[in-house]
Amino acid sequence: MKTVFRVYRGNQEVFYKGILIKRRISESDFITVNAGYTCTTEIGLGQVYDIRPKGRYRIHYETVNERLEGERVDRLKSNVIVVKRK
């Protein structure tokens, strides 16, 4: 299964435990981030990944979004984020 987040505790992958949903996208699902700018949001990974154990977590986001007209494909990805849960 391909998820948009890859989560690791140490060297072990923490697997996605949420539901799988497929839905049609619309233009309102997209935002434009111009070169040199950043976009920040807050998400609750603890709802779909078991991040209760203490440890060092690495999180990476990557997905491909196909525009409605099907002509353009956008690859969205983040740097690796490291979080230490004490």
Protein backbone atom coordinates (compact mmCIF):
# COMPACT_ATOMS: atom_id res chain seq x y z
CA MET A 1 0.00 0.00 0.00
CA LYS A 2 1.31 3.46 -0.90
CA THR A 3 0.74 6.14 1.72
CA VAL A 4 1.81 9.78 1.54
CA PHE A 5 3.76 9.59 4.83
CA ARG A 6 6.66 7.28 5.59
CA VAL A 7 7.19 7.06 9.35
CA TYR A 8 10.14 5.29 10.99
CA ARG A 9 10.93 4.73 14.68
CA GLY A 10 14.68 4.13 14.67
CA ASN A 11 15.20 1.90 11.63
CA GLN A 12 11.77 0.23 11.83
CA GLU A 13 8.93 1.47 9.64
CA VAL A 14 5.76 2.37 11.55
CA PHE A 15 2.90 1.14 9.39
CA TYR A 16 -0.25 3.08 8.53
CA LYS A 17 -3.27 1.81 10.47
CA GLY A 18 -5.94 4.24 9.23
CA ILE A 19 -8.70 3.72 6.72
CA LEU A 20 -8.14 3.90 2.97
CA ILE A 21 -10.20 6.50 1.16
CA LYS A 22 -10.30 7.35 -2.52
CA ARG A 23 -12.16 10.45 -3.57
CA ARG A 24 -12.41 12.71 -6.56
CA ILE A 25 -10.29 15.84 -6.30
CA SER A 26 -11.31 19.35 -7.31
CA GLU A 27 -9.45 22.60 -7.90
CA SER A 28 -10.29 23.67 -4.33
CA ASP A 29 -8.08 20.81 -3.05
CA PHE A 30 -4.97 22.53 -4.43
CA ILE A 31 -2.97 25.49 -3.21
CA THR A 32 -0.20 27.22 -5.09
CA VAL A 33 3.15 27.67 -3.37
CA ASN A 34 5.49 29.78 -5.46
CA ALA A 35 9.21 29.06 -5.67
CA GLY A 36 11.06 30.30 -2.60
CA TYR A 37 8.00 30.18 -0.36
CA THR A 38 6.94 27.53 2.14
CA CYS A 39 3.63 26.16 3.31
CA THR A 40 3.05 24.94 6.86
CA THR A 41 0.24 22.89 8.33
CA GLU A 42 -0.36 20.76 11.40
CA ILE A 43 -1.41 17.12 11.15
CA GLY A 44 -2.25 14.41 13.70
CA LEU A 45 -0.12 11.40 12.71
CA GLY A 46 -0.98 9.73 16.01
CA GLN A 47 -4.48 9.07 14.68
CA VAL A 48 -3.22 6.70 11.97
CA TYR A 49 0.27 5.64 13.11
CA ASP A 50 1.31 4.10 16.43
CA ILE A 51 3.67 6.79 17.69
CA ARG A 52 3.11 6.12 21.41
CA PRO A 53 6.45 4.43 22.11
CA LYS A 54 9.35 6.69 23.00
CA GLY A 55 12.06 7.00 20.40
CA ARG A 56 13.46 8.89 17.46
CA TYR A 57 10.97 9.23 14.59
CA ARG A 58 11.73 10.15 10.99
CA ILE A 59 8.83 11.38 8.90
CA HIS A 60 8.80 11.99 5.15
CA TYR A 61 5.91 13.18 2.97
CA GLU A 62 5.68 12.40 -0.73
CA THR A 63 2.80 12.14 -3.14
CA VAL A 64 1.84 12.74 -6.74
CA ASN A 65 -1.21 14.85 -7.57
CA GLU A 66 -2.67 14.75 -11.04
CA ARG A 67 -4.48 17.88 -12.11
CA LEU A 68 -8.10 17.59 -13.19
CA GLU A 69 -7.38 18.01 -16.87
CA GLY A 70 -4.90 15.13 -16.59
CA GLU A 71 -2.18 17.04 -18.38
CA ARG A 72 -0.08 18.05 -15.40
CA VAL A 73 1.35 15.93 -12.61
CA ASP A 74 2.72 17.60 -9.47
CA ARG A 75 5.17 15.75 -7.22
CA LEU A 76 4.97 17.02 -3.67
CA LYS A 77 7.57 15.99 -1.12
CA SER A 78 9.11 17.19 2.10
CA ASN A 79 12.51 17.03 3.67
CA VAL A 80 12.89 14.31 6.28
CA ILE A 81 11.60 15.53 9.64
CA VAL A 82 13.20 14.08 12.78
CA VAL A 83 11.29 14.11 16.07
CA LYS A 84 12.42 12.64 19.37
CA ARG A 85 9.59 11.44 21.61
CA LYS A 86 10.64 11.36 25.28
